[in-house]
Every structure is written in C-alpha cells, then in structure tokens.
Amino acid sequence: MDWRSVKDQVVGLLAGIARWVGLAFALILVLHVIFVIGEANPDNGIVSFVADWAEGLALGFKDLFRPDDPKLDVLVNYGIAALFWLIVSSIVARIIRRVGGAS
C-alpha cells in the first residue's frame, strides 16, 4: 500500500471539505441577502431556515455598518460575512494542504 498517496488523498479531501463548507456558508448568506432585498415572505419555511442560519454565520459582521436603509444594511454586512467565509475557507484549505504536504 502506498501510504504517501493515501495521505495525499486524505489531505486533499480535508482541504476540499474546508472549501465546500466555506462555500456553503457564503451561499446561505447570499441567499439571505437576496431574500431580504427581494422582500421574500419571512413566514416561508425556506426563507426562515436561511435567515436563522445566516444570523449565526454572520458572526460579528451583522451590525458592522449601520446604513439608514435596512436592505443596504443586510447587503453590506451579510455580504462582508460571505466574503469572510470564502476567504477563511480558502486559507484553511491552503494550510491543510501545506501542513499535510500535498501539492
């Protein structure tokens, strides 16, 4: 058994999972922005599910800026949170690959 190739596959898998998780988090945040700007029905199950998740994923960004327009507020703050997750997941994946010795 070639342990080096097994290690490389595991490292690649872990890095891929980190990227996909960050992408999923960013997608939830972007959907929330779309639902708010599009004035989606907040009582809809999908909209409320996404809003609940987005609330937790926004971390400290949800009130970073306080523009007067509530739609702009969500766009800016949740948009920054989405970018944060994309950047962090990319960095984490790169660290996993570097520490794991995969190329």
Protein backbone atom coordinates (compact mmCIF):
# COMPACT_ATOMS: atom_id res chain seq x y z
CA MET A 1 0.00 0.00 0.00
CA ASP A 2 1.29 3.42 -0.96
CA TRP A 3 0.81 5.44 2.25
CA ARG A 4 2.03 8.64 0.67
CA SER A 5 -0.77 8.58 -1.89
CA VAL A 6 -3.30 7.72 0.84
CA LYS A 7 -2.05 10.68 2.89
CA ASP A 8 -2.26 12.96 -0.14
CA GLN A 9 -5.83 11.81 -0.82
CA VAL A 10 -6.87 12.42 2.79
CA VAL A 11 -5.23 15.85 2.82
CA GLY A 12 -6.92 16.71 -0.47
CA LEU A 13 -10.26 15.52 0.89
CA LEU A 14 -9.95 17.59 4.06
CA ALA A 15 -8.94 20.68 2.10
CA GLY A 16 -11.85 20.13 -0.26
CA ILE A 17 -14.27 19.80 2.65
CA ALA A 18 -12.97 23.06 4.13
CA ARG A 19 -13.55 24.85 0.81
CA TRP A 20 -17.05 23.39 0.37
CA VAL A 21 -18.08 24.31 3.91
CA GLY A 22 -16.97 27.90 3.34
CA LEU A 23 -18.80 27.97 0.02
CA ALA A 24 -21.99 26.61 1.64
CA PHE A 25 -21.81 29.21 4.42
CA ALA A 26 -21.30 32.01 1.88
CA LEU A 27 -24.20 30.70 -0.20
CA ILE A 28 -26.54 30.78 2.79
CA LEU A 29 -25.53 34.38 3.49
CA VAL A 30 -26.01 35.41 -0.14
CA LEU A 31 -29.43 33.73 -0.22
CA HIS A 32 -30.38 35.70 2.88
CA VAL A 33 -29.35 38.93 1.18
CA ILE A 34 -31.40 38.01 -1.90
CA PHE A 35 -34.44 37.15 0.22
CA VAL A 36 -34.24 40.41 2.16
CA ILE A 37 -33.69 42.63 -0.87
CA GLY A 38 -36.38 40.77 -2.81
CA GLU A 39 -38.75 41.07 0.15
CA ALA A 40 -39.38 37.32 0.35
CA ASN A 41 -42.11 36.11 2.69
CA PRO A 42 -40.43 35.75 6.13
CA ASP A 43 -43.00 33.11 7.12
CA ASN A 44 -41.90 30.81 4.30
CA GLY A 45 -40.01 27.78 5.62
CA ILE A 46 -37.05 28.17 3.29
CA VAL A 47 -36.71 31.89 3.96
CA SER A 48 -36.89 31.44 7.74
CA PHE A 49 -34.44 28.49 7.62
CA VAL A 50 -31.93 30.57 5.65
CA ALA A 51 -32.46 33.59 7.92
CA ASP A 52 -31.84 31.51 11.05
CA TRP A 53 -28.62 30.07 9.65
CA ALA A 54 -27.48 33.43 8.26
CA GLU A 55 -27.93 35.03 11.67
CA GLY A 56 -25.36 32.66 13.19
CA LEU A 57 -23.00 32.68 10.22
CA ALA A 58 -22.81 36.48 10.06
CA LEU A 59 -20.77 36.44 13.29
CA GLY A 60 -19.83 40.00 14.28
CA PHE A 61 -20.47 41.36 10.80
CA LYS A 62 -24.27 41.66 11.05
CA ASP A 63 -24.06 45.10 12.66
CA LEU A 64 -20.66 46.22 11.43
CA PHE A 65 -22.15 49.07 9.37
CA ARG A 66 -25.48 50.76 10.11
CA PRO A 67 -26.78 52.50 6.98
CA ASP A 68 -30.26 54.02 7.17
CA ASP A 69 -31.69 51.68 4.52
CA PRO A 70 -32.35 48.21 6.08
CA LYS A 71 -31.81 46.47 2.73
CA LEU A 72 -28.43 48.15 2.29
CA ASP A 73 -27.60 47.16 5.87
CA VAL A 74 -28.18 43.48 5.08
CA LEU A 75 -26.42 43.69 1.72
CA VAL A 76 -23.26 45.24 3.13
CA ASN A 77 -22.95 43.36 6.42
CA TYR A 78 -24.03 39.90 5.28
CA GLY A 79 -22.09 40.37 2.03
CA ILE A 80 -18.93 41.04 4.02
CA ALA A 81 -19.66 37.94 6.12
CA ALA A 82 -19.99 35.86 2.93
CA LEU A 83 -16.63 37.15 1.68
CA PHE A 84 -15.14 36.38 5.09
CA TRP A 85 -16.22 32.73 4.86
CA LEU A 86 -14.86 32.38 1.32
CA ILE A 87 -11.50 33.85 2.31
CA VAL A 88 -11.21 31.92 5.57
CA SER A 89 -12.12 28.60 3.97
CA SER A 90 -9.57 29.21 1.22
CA ILE A 91 -6.87 29.97 3.78
CA VAL A 92 -7.80 26.92 5.88
CA ALA A 93 -7.68 24.68 2.80
CA ARG A 94 -4.27 26.07 1.87
CA ILE A 95 -2.98 25.48 5.42
CA ILE A 96 -4.31 21.91 5.39
CA ARG A 97 -2.52 21.25 2.11
CA ARG A 98 0.71 22.84 3.30
CA VAL A 99 0.75 21.06 6.68
CA GLY A 100 -0.28 17.80 5.04
CA GLY A 101 2.49 18.10 2.48
CA ALA A 102 0.14 17.79 -0.50
CA SER A 103 0.70 19.89 -3.58
